Amino acid sequence: ELARVRPKFVEKVSTQMINQLLDDILLDGIVSEMEKESITEENNVRSDKARRLIDSVKKKGERASRKLIEHIQSRDPELSAELGLSCGQPAPPGELRDRLEGSGQ
């Protein structure tokens, strides 16, 4: 899902949001302090930071990607909706659960 939303995320996300997401995934143990610093200090342009954030998390696997999506949803529901990210309370497998709730089961 991150790969699908990457272009629009890069276009829309603010520097402040990138920094908040980096703090979130640092606390989750998805990135190390060194990786976080690398993303923020080696990329002066906001769009490059956004690309690097998505790419770094994607490399960590599905669980890390899902966690980043959850943070985007909770921190900026409007951006999440613009990106078309799965909505509802995050719970694996979130998309299946949302479909079941939507069908009235």
C-alpha atoms as a PDB file:
ATOM      1  CA  GLU A   1       0.000   0.000   0.000  1.00  0.00           C
ATOM      2  CA  LEU A   2       2.900   2.401   0.686  1.00  0.00           C
ATOM      3  CA  ALA A   3       4.194   1.898  -2.845  1.00  0.00           C
ATOM      4  CA  ARG A   4       0.786   2.856  -4.232  1.00  0.00           C
ATOM      5  CA  VAL A   5       0.490   6.082  -2.206  1.00  0.00           C
ATOM      6  CA  ARG A   6       4.153   7.132  -2.430  1.00  0.00           C
ATOM      7  CA  PRO A   7       3.809   9.747  -5.215  1.00  0.00           C
ATOM      8  CA  LYS A   8       0.871  11.542  -3.585  1.00  0.00           C
ATOM      9  CA  PHE A   9       2.430  11.249  -0.110  1.00  0.00           C
ATOM     10  CA  VAL A  10       5.608  12.901  -1.418  1.00  0.00           C
ATOM     11  CA  GLU A  11       3.521  15.678  -2.983  1.00  0.00           C
ATOM     12  CA  LYS A  12       1.238  16.375   0.002  1.00  0.00           C
ATOM     13  CA  VAL A  13       3.082  15.634   3.267  1.00  0.00           C
ATOM     14  CA  SER A  14       4.523  18.512   5.300  1.00  0.00           C
ATOM     15  CA  THR A  15       7.988  18.637   6.844  1.00  0.00           C
ATOM     16  CA  GLN A  16       6.381  18.775  10.292  1.00  0.00           C
ATOM     17  CA  MET A  17       4.403  15.599   9.557  1.00  0.00           C
ATOM     18  CA  ILE A  18       7.530  13.813   8.272  1.00  0.00           C
ATOM     19  CA  ASN A  19       9.316  14.661  11.530  1.00  0.00           C
ATOM     20  CA  GLN A  20       6.357  13.458  13.613  1.00  0.00           C
ATOM     21  CA  LEU A  21       6.183  10.196  11.666  1.00  0.00           C
ATOM     22  CA  LEU A  22       9.928   9.696  12.100  1.00  0.00           C
ATOM     23  CA  ASP A  23       9.525  10.173  15.861  1.00  0.00           C
ATOM     24  CA  ASP A  24       6.654   7.659  15.849  1.00  0.00           C
ATOM     25  CA  ILE A  25       8.545   4.956  13.990  1.00  0.00           C
ATOM     26  CA  LEU A  26      11.655   5.583  16.090  1.00  0.00           C
ATOM     27  CA  LEU A  27       9.575   4.883  19.216  1.00  0.00           C
ATOM     28  CA  ASP A  28       8.158   1.773  17.502  1.00  0.00           C
ATOM     29  CA  GLY A  29      11.697   0.524  16.873  1.00  0.00           C
ATOM     30  CA  ILE A  30      11.183   0.550  13.100  1.00  0.00           C
ATOM     31  CA  VAL A  31      14.112   2.905  12.529  1.00  0.00           C
ATOM     32  CA  SER A  32      17.142   3.612  14.666  1.00  0.00           C
ATOM     33  CA  GLU A  33      18.220   7.059  15.804  1.00  0.00           C
ATOM     34  CA  MET A  34      20.965   6.908  13.171  1.00  0.00           C
ATOM     35  CA  GLU A  35      18.485   6.061  10.385  1.00  0.00           C
ATOM     36  CA  LYS A  36      16.202   8.891  11.507  1.00  0.00           C
ATOM     37  CA  GLU A  37      19.080  11.379  11.479  1.00  0.00           C
ATOM     38  CA  SER A  38      20.172  10.123   8.084  1.00  0.00           C
ATOM     39  CA  ILE A  39      16.709  10.771   6.632  1.00  0.00           C
ATOM     40  CA  THR A  40      16.459  14.278   8.088  1.00  0.00           C
ATOM     41  CA  GLU A  41      20.042  15.475   7.647  1.00  0.00           C
ATOM     42  CA  GLU A  42      20.988  13.990   4.278  1.00  0.00           C
ATOM     43  CA  ASN A  43      17.846  15.237   2.542  1.00  0.00           C
ATOM     44  CA  ASN A  44      17.434  19.004   2.528  1.00  0.00           C
ATOM     45  CA  VAL A  45      14.335  19.019   0.337  1.00  0.00           C
ATOM     46  CA  ARG A  46      10.984  18.031   1.875  1.00  0.00           C
ATOM     47  CA  SER A  47      10.044  15.750  -1.018  1.00  0.00           C
ATOM     48  CA  ASP A  48      13.357  13.865  -0.735  1.00  0.00           C
ATOM     49  CA  LYS A  49      12.754  13.315   2.995  1.00  0.00           C
ATOM     50  CA  ALA A  50       9.279  11.987   2.221  1.00  0.00           C
ATOM     51  CA  ARG A  51      10.617   9.592  -0.436  1.00  0.00           C
ATOM     52  CA  ARG A  52      13.349   8.365   1.873  1.00  0.00           C
ATOM     53  CA  LEU A  53      10.880   7.843   4.735  1.00  0.00           C
ATOM     54  CA  ILE A  54       8.568   5.694   2.599  1.00  0.00           C
ATOM     55  CA  ASP A  55      11.439   3.751   1.027  1.00  0.00           C
ATOM     56  CA  SER A  56      13.110   3.080   4.387  1.00  0.00           C
ATOM     57  CA  VAL A  57       9.906   1.753   5.938  1.00  0.00           C
ATOM     58  CA  LYS A  58       8.996  -0.349   2.873  1.00  0.00           C
ATOM     59  CA  LYS A  59      12.351  -2.135   3.162  1.00  0.00           C
ATOM     60  CA  LYS A  60      11.469  -3.102   6.754  1.00  0.00           C
ATOM     61  CA  GLY A  61       8.510  -5.193   5.625  1.00  0.00           C
ATOM     62  CA  GLU A  62       4.734  -5.389   5.830  1.00  0.00           C
ATOM     63  CA  ARG A  63       4.450  -4.927   9.589  1.00  0.00           C
ATOM     64  CA  ALA A  64       6.531  -1.742   9.526  1.00  0.00           C
ATOM     65  CA  SER A  65       4.563  -0.447   6.540  1.00  0.00           C
ATOM     66  CA  ARG A  66       1.257  -1.098   8.306  1.00  0.00           C
ATOM     67  CA  LYS A  67       2.524   0.730  11.405  1.00  0.00           C
ATOM     68  CA  LEU A  68       3.504   3.803   9.365  1.00  0.00           C
ATOM     69  CA  ILE A  69       0.067   3.787   7.724  1.00  0.00           C
ATOM     70  CA  GLU A  70      -1.553   3.666  11.174  1.00  0.00           C
ATOM     71  CA  HIS A  71       0.507   6.685  12.244  1.00  0.00           C
ATOM     72  CA  ILE A  72      -0.495   8.619   9.106  1.00  0.00           C
ATOM     73  CA  GLN A  73      -4.150   7.778   9.768  1.00  0.00           C
ATOM     74  CA  SER A  74      -4.043   8.897  13.393  1.00  0.00           C
ATOM     75  CA  ARG A  75      -1.916  12.026  12.884  1.00  0.00           C
ATOM     76  CA  ASP A  76      -3.582  13.337   9.720  1.00  0.00           C
ATOM     77  CA  PRO A  77      -6.933  11.740   8.811  1.00  0.00           C
ATOM     78  CA  GLU A  78      -7.361  14.241   5.969  1.00  0.00           C
ATOM     79  CA  LEU A  79      -4.059  13.244   4.339  1.00  0.00           C
ATOM     80  CA  SER A  80      -4.902   9.596   4.945  1.00  0.00           C
ATOM     81  CA  ALA A  81      -8.222  10.035   3.121  1.00  0.00           C
ATOM     82  CA  GLU A  82      -6.526  11.901   0.248  1.00  0.00           C
ATOM     83  CA  LEU A  83      -4.063   9.043  -0.102  1.00  0.00           C
ATOM     84  CA  GLY A  84      -6.905   6.516  -0.062  1.00  0.00           C
ATOM     85  CA  LEU A  85      -5.408   4.582   2.832  1.00  0.00           C
ATOM     86  CA  SER A  86      -7.555   1.912   4.453  1.00  0.00           C
ATOM     87  CA  CYS A  87      -9.727   3.514   7.087  1.00  0.00           C
ATOM     88  CA  GLY A  88     -11.165   2.276  10.339  1.00  0.00           C
ATOM     89  CA  GLN A  89      -9.401   1.135  13.479  1.00  0.00           C
ATOM     90  CA  PRO A  90      -6.129  -0.554  12.534  1.00  0.00           C
ATOM     91  CA  ALA A  91      -6.274  -4.276  13.212  1.00  0.00           C
ATOM     92  CA  PRO A  92      -4.632  -6.995  11.146  1.00  0.00           C
ATOM     93  CA  PRO A  93      -5.956  -7.777   8.656  1.00  0.00           C
ATOM     94  CA  GLY A  94      -7.495  -4.310   8.633  1.00  0.00           C
ATOM     95  CA  GLU A  95      -8.740  -4.269   5.080  1.00  0.00           C
ATOM     96  CA  LEU A  96     -10.646  -7.538   5.449  1.00  0.00           C
ATOM     97  CA  ARG A  97     -12.198  -6.428   8.744  1.00  0.00           C
ATOM     98  CA  ASP A  98     -13.279  -3.112   7.203  1.00  0.00           C
ATOM     99  CA  ARG A  99     -14.944  -4.934   4.314  1.00  0.00           C
ATOM    100  CA  LEU A 100     -16.819  -7.207   6.712  1.00  0.00           C
ATOM    101  CA  GLU A 101     -18.033  -4.247   8.765  1.00  0.00           C
ATOM    102  CA  GLY A 102     -19.110  -2.477   5.594  1.00  0.00           C
ATOM    103  CA  SER A 103     -21.218  -5.453   4.495  1.00  0.00           C
ATOM    104  CA  GLY A 104     -23.158  -5.423   7.766  1.00  0.00           C
ATOM    105  CA  GLN A 105     -21.800  -8.670   9.178  1.00  0.00           C
END
